[in-house]
Amino acid sequence: MWDAYKKGYKAWLRLEKSLSDNSVEAYLRDVEKLTEYLQTSNQLLQPAELELKDLQQFVKWIGELGMTATSQARIISGIRSFYKYCLLEQITKNDPSTLLEAPKTRRKLPDVLTFEEIELVIAQLDQSTPDGGRNKAILETMYSCGLRVSELINLKISCLYLDVGFVRVIGKGDKERLVPIGRDAIKYIKIYKDNIRVHQEIQPGFEDILFLNRRGKNLSRIMIFYIIKAMAAKAGITKHISPHTFRHSFATHLVEGGADLRAVQEMLGHESITTTEIYTHLDRDYLRDTLQRFHPAYRSGR
């Protein structure tokens, strides 16, 4: 009987929710996990027969399998979605997943470079070489605009509005956004475009891609990773950094400087403000110093 429910749920996800094939498969795997648990516990109950306590036992079971809190939360989200379908199709009258609690996930704060460290990394580039000139423009653009690495390697010349200080970025889900770009980034993009890129033989189909490799095609994500790691090592920085570190640093510096969180959300292309809120963390020493300087209890030596 569960096969019929899964088949109907699959159709609902595709037709009603318009989800991609990958998302549909992920949601179906969550229901598969539930039925796998029911089989192993020898109680293959129907969706309408399951109660909150059964789902709580299921959550305990996936936890014992060694799944992380994040993975458990994702599966619980899938089960809630399945029961939403069951209610709409009148397969069940009640939703036992409503009060099902997901394990608390700790959001790990990403490593962030200070402005001085960003400057130090960029200063390691040898601008006398074509690759160095290109890489200077790349790192300045990443920090100036807070781009994802995928957005950077696919940045198009036709999306540059440098005369008015904006770039048009195509982000996740092909969503477009306009992002301001700083003077330094504009300067080094122009130097790269007018003095380095013009001398390259560009492969068909890559004429509009801004940043090219030596073969005249767009750069890979891993190449950006290598560039940043190499420059960080030369600068003597031991933090765990990646291309995303520049994006994290961009956002953190904005928020710590007093930028409006909604504006930062817009620039980063975050769908939800809760994703942006991770950047509201401040340096712990700064918080302690502020408390000691301004709180009356601390000032009076209590």
C-alpha atoms as a PDB file:
ATOM      1  CA  MET A   1       0.000   0.000   0.000  1.00  0.00           C
ATOM      2  CA  TRP A   2       2.906   2.393   0.762  1.00  0.00           C
ATOM      3  CA  ASP A   3       3.998   2.089  -2.888  1.00  0.00           C
ATOM      4  CA  ALA A   4       0.713   3.711  -3.956  1.00  0.00           C
ATOM      5  CA  TYR A   5       1.196   6.537  -1.431  1.00  0.00           C
ATOM      6  CA  LYS A   6       4.756   7.115  -2.645  1.00  0.00           C
ATOM      7  CA  LYS A   7       3.638   7.150  -6.279  1.00  0.00           C
ATOM      8  CA  GLY A   8       0.924   9.729  -5.539  1.00  0.00           C
ATOM      9  CA  TYR A   9       3.319  11.798  -3.420  1.00  0.00           C
ATOM     10  CA  LYS A  10       5.888  11.771  -6.236  1.00  0.00           C
ATOM     11  CA  ALA A  11       3.304  13.075  -8.714  1.00  0.00           C
ATOM     12  CA  TRP A  12       2.198  15.774  -6.227  1.00  0.00           C
ATOM     13  CA  LEU A  13       5.769  16.974  -5.703  1.00  0.00           C
ATOM     14  CA  ARG A  14       6.328  17.202  -9.460  1.00  0.00           C
ATOM     15  CA  LEU A  15       3.012  18.645 -10.584  1.00  0.00           C
ATOM     16  CA  GLU A  16       1.764  20.653  -7.601  1.00  0.00           C
ATOM     17  CA  LYS A  17       5.063  21.751  -6.068  1.00  0.00           C
ATOM     18  CA  SER A  18       6.991  21.956  -9.386  1.00  0.00           C
ATOM     19  CA  LEU A  19      10.134  20.557  -7.757  1.00  0.00           C
ATOM     20  CA  SER A  20      13.214  19.456  -9.679  1.00  0.00           C
ATOM     21  CA  ASP A  21      13.929  15.732 -10.169  1.00  0.00           C
ATOM     22  CA  ASN A  22      16.720  15.878  -7.569  1.00  0.00           C
ATOM     23  CA  SER A  23      14.446  17.466  -4.955  1.00  0.00           C
ATOM     24  CA  VAL A  24      11.669  14.954  -5.665  1.00  0.00           C
ATOM     25  CA  GLU A  25      14.112  12.053  -5.210  1.00  0.00           C
ATOM     26  CA  ALA A  26      15.372  13.557  -1.933  1.00  0.00           C
ATOM     27  CA  TYR A  27      11.826  13.826  -0.523  1.00  0.00           C
ATOM     28  CA  LEU A  28      11.023  10.269  -1.617  1.00  0.00           C
ATOM     29  CA  ARG A  29      14.164   8.981   0.117  1.00  0.00           C
ATOM     30  CA  ASP A  30      12.854  10.499   3.379  1.00  0.00           C
ATOM     31  CA  VAL A  31       9.640   8.487   3.080  1.00  0.00           C
ATOM     32  CA  GLU A  32      11.693   5.407   2.120  1.00  0.00           C
ATOM     33  CA  LYS A  33      13.616   5.817   5.374  1.00  0.00           C
ATOM     34  CA  LEU A  34      10.345   5.868   7.312  1.00  0.00           C
ATOM     35  CA  THR A  35       9.051   2.695   5.648  1.00  0.00           C
ATOM     36  CA  GLU A  36      12.449   1.046   6.166  1.00  0.00           C
ATOM     37  CA  TYR A  37      12.134   1.778   9.891  1.00  0.00           C
ATOM     38  CA  LEU A  38       8.575   0.403   9.986  1.00  0.00           C
ATOM     39  CA  GLN A  39       9.741  -2.811   8.297  1.00  0.00           C
ATOM     40  CA  THR A  40      12.688  -3.299  10.648  1.00  0.00           C
ATOM     41  CA  SER A  41      10.424  -2.793  13.666  1.00  0.00           C
ATOM     42  CA  ASN A  42       7.807  -5.201  12.196  1.00  0.00           C
ATOM     43  CA  GLN A  43       4.986  -2.680  12.304  1.00  0.00           C
ATOM     44  CA  LEU A  44       4.205  -1.632   8.751  1.00  0.00           C
ATOM     45  CA  LEU A  45       1.424   0.743   9.751  1.00  0.00           C
ATOM     46  CA  GLN A  46      -0.410   2.900   7.232  1.00  0.00           C
ATOM     47  CA  PRO A  47       0.104   6.719   7.217  1.00  0.00           C
ATOM     48  CA  ALA A  48      -3.280   7.225   8.964  1.00  0.00           C
ATOM     49  CA  GLU A  49      -2.320   4.739  11.715  1.00  0.00           C
ATOM     50  CA  LEU A  50       0.971   6.384  12.656  1.00  0.00           C
ATOM     51  CA  GLU A  51       1.017   8.549  15.783  1.00  0.00           C
ATOM     52  CA  LEU A  52       3.453  11.132  17.119  1.00  0.00           C
ATOM     53  CA  LYS A  53       5.135   8.526  19.370  1.00  0.00           C
ATOM     54  CA  ASP A  54       5.816   6.329  16.301  1.00  0.00           C
ATOM     55  CA  LEU A  55       7.488   9.205  14.478  1.00  0.00           C
ATOM     56  CA  GLN A  56       9.487  10.055  17.606  1.00  0.00           C
ATOM     57  CA  GLN A  57      10.767   6.459  17.691  1.00  0.00           C
ATOM     58  CA  PHE A  58      11.644   6.808  13.999  1.00  0.00           C
ATOM     59  CA  VAL A  59      13.689   9.964  14.758  1.00  0.00           C
ATOM     60  CA  LYS A  60      15.456   8.105  17.573  1.00  0.00           C
ATOM     61  CA  TRP A  61      16.204   5.259  15.124  1.00  0.00           C
ATOM     62  CA  ILE A  62      17.784   7.507  12.446  1.00  0.00           C
ATOM     63  CA  GLY A  63      19.823   9.174  15.199  1.00  0.00           C
ATOM     64  CA  GLU A  64      21.158   5.777  16.288  1.00  0.00           C
ATOM     65  CA  LEU A  65      22.179   5.120  12.673  1.00  0.00           C
ATOM     66  CA  GLY A  66      24.735   7.887  13.174  1.00  0.00           C
ATOM     67  CA  MET A  67      23.021  10.579  11.116  1.00  0.00           C
ATOM     68  CA  THR A  68      23.995  14.163  11.911  1.00  0.00           C
ATOM     69  CA  ALA A  69      21.489  16.597  13.430  1.00  0.00           C
ATOM     70  CA  THR A  70      21.347  18.403  10.063  1.00  0.00           C
ATOM     71  CA  SER A  71      20.509  15.168   8.184  1.00  0.00           C
ATOM     72  CA  GLN A  72      17.875  14.262  10.776  1.00  0.00           C
ATOM     73  CA  ALA A  73      16.274  17.707  10.464  1.00  0.00           C
ATOM     74  CA  ARG A  74      16.168  17.328   6.686  1.00  0.00           C
ATOM     75  CA  ILE A  75      14.426  13.918   6.909  1.00  0.00           C
ATOM     76  CA  ILE A  76      11.870  15.285   9.406  1.00  0.00           C
ATOM     77  CA  SER A  77      11.164  18.124   6.964  1.00  0.00           C
ATOM     78  CA  GLY A  78      10.510  15.473   4.286  1.00  0.00           C
ATOM     79  CA  ILE A  79       8.106  13.562   6.560  1.00  0.00           C
ATOM     80  CA  ARG A  80       6.197  16.779   7.308  1.00  0.00           C
ATOM     81  CA  SER A  81       5.904  17.421   3.562  1.00  0.00           C
ATOM     82  CA  PHE A  82       4.578  13.869   3.036  1.00  0.00           C
ATOM     83  CA  TYR A  83       1.896  14.383   5.688  1.00  0.00           C
ATOM     84  CA  LYS A  84       0.902  17.680   4.118  1.00  0.00           C
ATOM     85  CA  TYR A  85       0.202  15.674   0.936  1.00  0.00           C
ATOM     86  CA  CYS A  86      -1.697  13.008   2.936  1.00  0.00           C
ATOM     87  CA  LEU A  87      -3.987  15.655   4.470  1.00  0.00           C
ATOM     88  CA  LEU A  88      -4.689  17.290   1.096  1.00  0.00           C
ATOM     89  CA  GLU A  89      -5.512  13.921  -0.472  1.00  0.00           C
ATOM     90  CA  GLN A  90      -7.564  12.911   2.607  1.00  0.00           C
ATOM     91  CA  ILE A  91      -5.370   9.862   3.191  1.00  0.00           C
ATOM     92  CA  THR A  92      -5.179  10.977   6.819  1.00  0.00           C
ATOM     93  CA  LYS A  93      -7.401  13.159   8.994  1.00  0.00           C
ATOM     94  CA  ASN A  94      -4.613  14.181  11.352  1.00  0.00           C
ATOM     95  CA  ASP A  95      -0.969  15.158  10.948  1.00  0.00           C
ATOM     96  CA  PRO A  96       1.177  13.385  13.582  1.00  0.00           C
ATOM     97  CA  SER A  97       4.295  15.228  12.366  1.00  0.00           C
ATOM     98  CA  THR A  98       3.037  18.654  13.545  1.00  0.00           C
ATOM     99  CA  LEU A  99       4.593  18.348  17.021  1.00  0.00           C
ATOM    100  CA  LEU A 100       7.607  16.340  15.863  1.00  0.00           C
ATOM    101  CA  GLU A 101      10.737  18.176  16.987  1.00  0.00           C
ATOM    102  CA  ALA A 102      13.910  18.214  14.942  1.00  0.00           C
ATOM    103  CA  PRO A 103      17.233  17.961  16.803  1.00  0.00           C
ATOM    104  CA  LYS A 104      18.864  21.320  17.417  1.00  0.00           C
ATOM    105  CA  THR A 105      21.495  22.073  14.775  1.00  0.00           C
ATOM    106  CA  ARG A 106      24.398  24.291  15.664  1.00  0.00           C
ATOM    107  CA  ARG A 107      25.201  26.721  12.899  1.00  0.00           C
ATOM    108  CA  LYS A 108      28.981  26.728  12.559  1.00  0.00           C
ATOM    109  CA  LEU A 109      30.358  30.218  12.157  1.00  0.00           C
ATOM    110  CA  PRO A 110      32.593  30.364   9.102  1.00  0.00           C
ATOM    111  CA  ASP A 111      36.191  31.526   9.273  1.00  0.00           C
ATOM    112  CA  VAL A 112      36.397  35.212   8.435  1.00  0.00           C
ATOM    113  CA  LEU A 113      39.381  37.271   7.333  1.00  0.00           C
ATOM    114  CA  THR A 114      39.877  40.768   8.689  1.00  0.00           C
ATOM    115  CA  PHE A 115      40.115  43.617   6.187  1.00  0.00           C
ATOM    116  CA  GLU A 116      43.881  43.701   6.797  1.00  0.00           C
ATOM    117  CA  GLU A 117      44.151  39.962   6.075  1.00  0.00           C
ATOM    118  CA  ILE A 118      42.149  40.378   2.839  1.00  0.00           C
ATOM    119  CA  GLU A 119      44.547  43.149   1.796  1.00  0.00           C
ATOM    120  CA  LEU A 120      47.516  40.951   2.721  1.00  0.00           C
ATOM    121  CA  VAL A 121      46.237  38.018   0.617  1.00  0.00           C
ATOM    122  CA  ILE A 122      45.614  40.242  -2.421  1.00  0.00           C
ATOM    123  CA  ALA A 123      49.052  41.877  -1.981  1.00  0.00           C
ATOM    124  CA  GLN A 124      50.733  38.493  -2.634  1.00  0.00           C
ATOM    125  CA  LEU A 125      49.679  38.528  -6.309  1.00  0.00           C
ATOM    126  CA  ASP A 126      52.354  39.179  -8.925  1.00  0.00           C
ATOM    127  CA  GLN A 127      50.635  41.682 -11.202  1.00  0.00           C
ATOM    128  CA  SER A 128      53.496  41.652 -13.716  1.00  0.00           C
ATOM    129  CA  THR A 129      52.124  38.364 -15.150  1.00  0.00           C
ATOM    130  CA  PRO A 130      48.859  37.896 -17.106  1.00  0.00           C
ATOM    131  CA  ASP A 131      47.592  35.369 -14.520  1.00  0.00           C
ATOM    132  CA  GLY A 132      48.468  37.763 -11.689  1.00  0.00           C
ATOM    133  CA  GLY A 133      46.576  40.612 -13.337  1.00  0.00           C
ATOM    134  CA  ARG A 134      43.532  38.393 -13.847  1.00  0.00           C
ATOM    135  CA  ASN A 135      43.709  37.042 -10.289  1.00  0.00           C
ATOM    136  CA  LYS A 136      43.924  40.570  -8.874  1.00  0.00           C
ATOM    137  CA  ALA A 137      40.665  41.431 -10.657  1.00  0.00           C
ATOM    138  CA  ILE A 138      39.105  38.156  -9.425  1.00  0.00           C
ATOM    139  CA  LEU A 139      39.914  38.650  -5.733  1.00  0.00           C
ATOM    140  CA  GLU A 140      38.976  42.338  -5.773  1.00  0.00           C
ATOM    141  CA  THR A 141      35.619  41.417  -7.368  1.00  0.00           C
ATOM    142  CA  MET A 142      34.949  38.597  -4.900  1.00  0.00           C
ATOM    143  CA  TYR A 143      35.523  40.805  -1.884  1.00  0.00           C
ATOM    144  CA  SER A 144      33.831  43.876  -3.374  1.00  0.00           C
ATOM    145  CA  CYS A 145      30.628  42.043  -4.370  1.00  0.00           C
ATOM    146  CA  GLY A 146      30.475  39.025  -2.024  1.00  0.00           C
ATOM    147  CA  LEU A 147      29.936  36.648  -4.929  1.00  0.00           C
ATOM    148  CA  ARG A 148      29.565  32.889  -4.714  1.00  0.00           C
ATOM    149  CA  VAL A 149      32.379  31.141  -6.585  1.00  0.00           C
ATOM    150  CA  SER A 150      29.875  29.813  -9.170  1.00  0.00           C
ATOM    151  CA  GLU A 151      28.622  33.378  -9.750  1.00  0.00           C
ATOM    152  CA  LEU A 152      32.186  34.622 -10.202  1.00  0.00           C
ATOM    153  CA  ILE A 153      33.301  32.034 -12.784  1.00  0.00           C
ATOM    154  CA  ASN A 154      30.118  32.607 -14.803  1.00  0.00           C
ATOM    155  CA  LEU A 155      30.203  36.410 -14.627  1.00  0.00           C
ATOM    156  CA  LYS A 156      29.490  37.844 -18.095  1.00  0.00           C
ATOM    157  CA  ILE A 157      30.899  40.971 -19.717  1.00  0.00           C
ATOM    158  CA  SER A 158      27.359  41.827 -20.831  1.00  0.00           C
ATOM    159  CA  CYS A 159      26.362  41.881 -17.130  1.00  0.00           C
ATOM    160  CA  LEU A 160      28.917  44.559 -16.197  1.00  0.00           C
ATOM    161  CA  TYR A 161      27.583  48.098 -15.718  1.00  0.00           C
ATOM    162  CA  LEU A 162      30.856  49.545 -14.528  1.00  0.00           C
ATOM    163  CA  ASP A 163      29.996  53.109 -15.543  1.00  0.00           C
ATOM    164  CA  VAL A 164      27.234  53.126 -12.905  1.00  0.00           C
ATOM    165  CA  GLY A 165      29.029  50.799 -10.456  1.00  0.00           C
ATOM    166  CA  PHE A 166      26.875  47.660 -10.676  1.00  0.00           C
ATOM    167  CA  VAL A 167      27.139  44.065 -11.894  1.00  0.00           C
ATOM    168  CA  ARG A 168      24.218  41.796 -12.742  1.00  0.00           C
ATOM    169  CA  VAL A 169      24.683  38.425 -11.072  1.00  0.00           C
ATOM    170  CA  ILE A 170      22.902  35.172 -11.910  1.00  0.00           C
ATOM    171  CA  GLY A 171      22.641  33.275  -8.626  1.00  0.00           C
ATOM    172  CA  LYS A 172      21.023  30.093  -7.323  1.00  0.00           C
ATOM    173  CA  GLY A 173      17.944  28.981  -9.242  1.00  0.00           C
ATOM    174  CA  ASP A 174      18.870  31.372 -12.082  1.00  0.00           C
ATOM    175  CA  LYS A 175      17.713  34.308  -9.942  1.00  0.00           C
ATOM    176  CA  GLU A 176      19.218  37.613 -11.025  1.00  0.00           C
ATOM    177  CA  ARG A 177      20.262  40.459  -8.771  1.00  0.00           C
ATOM    178  CA  LEU A 178      22.110  43.753  -9.158  1.00  0.00           C
ATOM    179  CA  VAL A 179      25.120  44.103  -6.869  1.00  0.00           C
ATOM    180  CA  PRO A 180      27.163  47.302  -6.322  1.00  0.00           C
ATOM    181  CA  ILE A 181      30.861  47.008  -7.197  1.00  0.00           C
ATOM    182  CA  GLY A 182      33.660  49.066  -5.643  1.00  0.00           C
ATOM    183  CA  ARG A 183      36.137  51.388  -7.363  1.00  0.00           C
ATOM    184  CA  ASP A 184      39.153  49.091  -6.915  1.00  0.00           C
ATOM    185  CA  ALA A 185      37.355  46.107  -8.422  1.00  0.00           C
ATOM    186  CA  ILE A 186      36.190  48.238 -11.377  1.00  0.00           C
ATOM    187  CA  LYS A 187      39.748  49.506 -11.916  1.00  0.00           C
ATOM    188  CA  TYR A 188      41.307  46.024 -11.990  1.00  0.00           C
ATOM    189  CA  ILE A 189      38.528  44.503 -14.117  1.00  0.00           C
ATOM    190  CA  LYS A 190      39.176  47.218 -16.717  1.00  0.00           C
ATOM    191  CA  ILE A 191      42.950  46.605 -16.601  1.00  0.00           C
ATOM    192  CA  TYR A 192      42.406  42.848 -17.035  1.00  0.00           C
ATOM    193  CA  LYS A 193      39.787  43.238 -19.766  1.00  0.00           C
ATOM    194  CA  ASP A 194      41.621  45.905 -21.787  1.00  0.00           C
ATOM    195  CA  ASN A 195      45.260  44.786 -21.354  1.00  0.00           C
ATOM    196  CA  ILE A 196      45.243  41.010 -20.741  1.00  0.00           C
ATOM    197  CA  ARG A 197      42.024  39.394 -21.958  1.00  0.00           C
ATOM    198  CA  VAL A 198      42.195  41.123 -25.371  1.00  0.00           C
ATOM    199  CA  HIS A 199      45.381  39.198 -26.197  1.00  0.00           C
ATOM    200  CA  GLN A 200      43.795  35.781 -25.548  1.00  0.00           C
ATOM    201  CA  GLU A 201      42.438  33.354 -28.094  1.00  0.00           C
ATOM    202  CA  ILE A 202      38.908  32.789 -26.832  1.00  0.00           C
ATOM    203  CA  GLN A 203      37.117  29.492 -27.460  1.00  0.00           C
ATOM    204  CA  PRO A 204      33.692  29.591 -29.176  1.00  0.00           C
ATOM    205  CA  GLY A 205      30.903  29.996 -26.634  1.00  0.00           C
ATOM    206  CA  PHE A 206      33.096  31.771 -24.067  1.00  0.00           C
ATOM    207  CA  GLU A 207      33.261  35.208 -25.709  1.00  0.00           C
ATOM    208  CA  ASP A 208      31.010  36.778 -23.058  1.00  0.00           C
ATOM    209  CA  ILE A 209      32.642  35.125 -20.002  1.00  0.00           C
ATOM    210  CA  LEU A 210      34.749  37.697 -18.141  1.00  0.00           C
ATOM    211  CA  PHE A 211      37.403  35.604 -16.404  1.00  0.00           C
ATOM    212  CA  LEU A 212      39.157  33.073 -18.668  1.00  0.00           C
ATOM    213  CA  ASN A 213      41.827  30.439 -18.189  1.00  0.00           C
ATOM    214  CA  ARG A 214      44.868  30.125 -20.458  1.00  0.00           C
ATOM    215  CA  ARG A 215      42.880  27.957 -22.889  1.00  0.00           C
ATOM    216  CA  GLY A 216      40.288  30.695 -23.432  1.00  0.00           C
ATOM    217  CA  LYS A 217      37.522  29.022 -21.410  1.00  0.00           C
ATOM    218  CA  ASN A 218      35.932  29.855 -18.068  1.00  0.00           C
ATOM    219  CA  LEU A 219      37.797  29.004 -14.879  1.00  0.00           C
ATOM    220  CA  SER A 220      36.804  26.052 -12.702  1.00  0.00           C
ATOM    221  CA  ARG A 221      35.714  26.378  -9.074  1.00  0.00           C
ATOM    222  CA  ILE A 222      38.759  24.385  -7.995  1.00  0.00           C
ATOM    223  CA  MET A 223      41.080  26.829  -9.794  1.00  0.00           C
ATOM    224  CA  ILE A 224      39.689  29.718  -7.719  1.00  0.00           C
ATOM    225  CA  PHE A 225      40.221  27.597  -4.609  1.00  0.00           C
ATOM    226  CA  TYR A 226      43.875  26.973  -5.536  1.00  0.00           C
ATOM    227  CA  ILE A 227      44.516  30.667  -6.237  1.00  0.00           C
ATOM    228  CA  ILE A 228      43.162  31.719  -2.831  1.00  0.00           C
ATOM    229  CA  LYS A 229      44.891  28.919  -0.903  1.00  0.00           C
ATOM    230  CA  ALA A 230      48.235  29.711  -2.536  1.00  0.00           C
ATOM    231  CA  MET A 231      47.993  33.447  -1.792  1.00  0.00           C
ATOM    232  CA  ALA A 232      46.863  32.813   1.811  1.00  0.00           C
ATOM    233  CA  ALA A 233      49.839  30.475   2.345  1.00  0.00           C
ATOM    234  CA  LYS A 234      52.214  33.137   0.961  1.00  0.00           C
ATOM    235  CA  ALA A 235      50.647  35.679   3.321  1.00  0.00           C
ATOM    236  CA  GLY A 236      51.243  33.330   6.273  1.00  0.00           C
ATOM    237  CA  ILE A 237      47.525  33.027   7.091  1.00  0.00           C
ATOM    238  CA  THR A 238      46.725  29.734   8.827  1.00  0.00           C
ATOM    239  CA  LYS A 239      42.924  30.072   9.000  1.00  0.00           C
ATOM    240  CA  HIS A 240      40.866  27.507   7.074  1.00  0.00           C
ATOM    241  CA  ILE A 241      39.942  29.546   4.009  1.00  0.00           C
ATOM    242  CA  SER A 242      38.252  28.931   0.672  1.00  0.00           C
ATOM    243  CA  PRO A 243      36.637  31.105  -2.038  1.00  0.00           C
ATOM    244  CA  HIS A 244      33.582  31.320   0.234  1.00  0.00           C
ATOM    245  CA  THR A 245      35.740  32.980   2.910  1.00  0.00           C
ATOM    246  CA  PHE A 246      35.797  36.149   0.801  1.00  0.00           C
ATOM    247  CA  ARG A 247      31.977  36.103   0.686  1.00  0.00           C
ATOM    248  CA  HIS A 248      31.761  35.504   4.448  1.00  0.00           C
ATOM    249  CA  SER A 249      34.227  38.317   5.086  1.00  0.00           C
ATOM    250  CA  PHE A 250      32.351  40.710   2.768  1.00  0.00           C
ATOM    251  CA  ALA A 251      29.091  40.097   4.657  1.00  0.00           C
ATOM    252  CA  THR A 252      30.613  40.155   8.137  1.00  0.00           C
ATOM    253  CA  HIS A 253      32.459  43.420   7.512  1.00  0.00           C
ATOM    254  CA  LEU A 254      29.246  45.022   6.224  1.00  0.00           C
ATOM    255  CA  VAL A 255      27.167  43.917   9.217  1.00  0.00           C
ATOM    256  CA  GLU A 256      29.860  44.875  11.747  1.00  0.00           C
ATOM    257  CA  GLY A 257      30.079  48.258  10.034  1.00  0.00           C
ATOM    258  CA  GLY A 258      26.363  48.796  10.725  1.00  0.00           C
ATOM    259  CA  ALA A 259      24.830  47.801   7.361  1.00  0.00           C
ATOM    260  CA  ASP A 260      21.121  46.977   7.266  1.00  0.00           C
ATOM    261  CA  LEU A 261      20.620  43.203   7.312  1.00  0.00           C
ATOM    262  CA  ARG A 262      17.974  43.359   4.560  1.00  0.00           C
ATOM    263  CA  ALA A 263      20.415  45.185   2.283  1.00  0.00           C
ATOM    264  CA  VAL A 264      23.093  42.553   2.974  1.00  0.00           C
ATOM    265  CA  GLN A 265      20.519  39.818   2.254  1.00  0.00           C
ATOM    266  CA  GLU A 266      19.743  41.457  -1.086  1.00  0.00           C
ATOM    267  CA  MET A 267      23.419  41.756  -2.044  1.00  0.00           C
ATOM    268  CA  LEU A 268      24.193  38.164  -1.100  1.00  0.00           C
ATOM    269  CA  GLY A 269      21.127  36.832  -2.899  1.00  0.00           C
ATOM    270  CA  HIS A 270      19.829  34.957   0.166  1.00  0.00           C
ATOM    271  CA  GLU A 271      16.236  33.797  -0.154  1.00  0.00           C
ATOM    272  CA  SER A 272      15.725  33.875   3.613  1.00  0.00           C
ATOM    273  CA  ILE A 273      16.865  36.520   6.108  1.00  0.00           C
ATOM    274  CA  THR A 274      17.707  33.711   8.569  1.00  0.00           C
ATOM    275  CA  THR A 275      20.588  32.674   6.300  1.00  0.00           C
ATOM    276  CA  THR A 276      21.951  36.218   6.460  1.00  0.00           C
ATOM    277  CA  GLU A 277      21.624  36.350  10.255  1.00  0.00           C
ATOM    278  CA  ILE A 278      24.693  34.125  10.669  1.00  0.00           C
ATOM    279  CA  TYR A 279      26.719  37.249   9.857  1.00  0.00           C
ATOM    280  CA  THR A 280      25.449  39.139  12.883  1.00  0.00           C
ATOM    281  CA  HIS A 281      28.114  37.487  15.031  1.00  0.00           C
ATOM    282  CA  LEU A 282      30.685  39.980  16.286  1.00  0.00           C
ATOM    283  CA  ASP A 283      34.174  39.542  17.559  1.00  0.00           C
ATOM    284  CA  ARG A 284      33.849  38.296  21.142  1.00  0.00           C
ATOM    285  CA  ASP A 285      36.643  40.574  22.402  1.00  0.00           C
ATOM    286  CA  TYR A 286      34.887  43.556  20.842  1.00  0.00           C
ATOM    287  CA  LEU A 287      31.675  42.669  22.694  1.00  0.00           C
ATOM    288  CA  ARG A 288      33.505  42.265  25.996  1.00  0.00           C
ATOM    289  CA  ASP A 289      35.388  45.549  25.548  1.00  0.00           C
ATOM    290  CA  THR A 290      32.131  47.343  24.719  1.00  0.00           C
ATOM    291  CA  LEU A 291      30.486  45.930  27.844  1.00  0.00           C
ATOM    292  CA  GLN A 292      33.388  46.948  30.059  1.00  0.00           C
ATOM    293  CA  ARG A 293      33.549  50.444  28.591  1.00  0.00           C
ATOM    294  CA  PHE A 294      29.858  51.318  28.625  1.00  0.00           C
ATOM    295  CA  HIS A 295      27.974  49.150  31.153  1.00  0.00           C
ATOM    296  CA  PRO A 296      27.576  51.075  34.448  1.00  0.00           C
ATOM    297  CA  ALA A 297      28.090  47.946  36.573  1.00  0.00           C
ATOM    298  CA  TYR A 298      31.452  47.309  34.912  1.00  0.00           C
ATOM    299  CA  ARG A 299      32.492  50.984  35.038  1.00  0.00           C
ATOM    300  CA  SER A 300      31.808  51.176  38.790  1.00  0.00           C
ATOM    301  CA  GLY A 301      33.981  48.118  39.373  1.00  0.00           C
ATOM    302  CA  ARG A 302      31.153  45.945  40.788  1.00  0.00           C
END
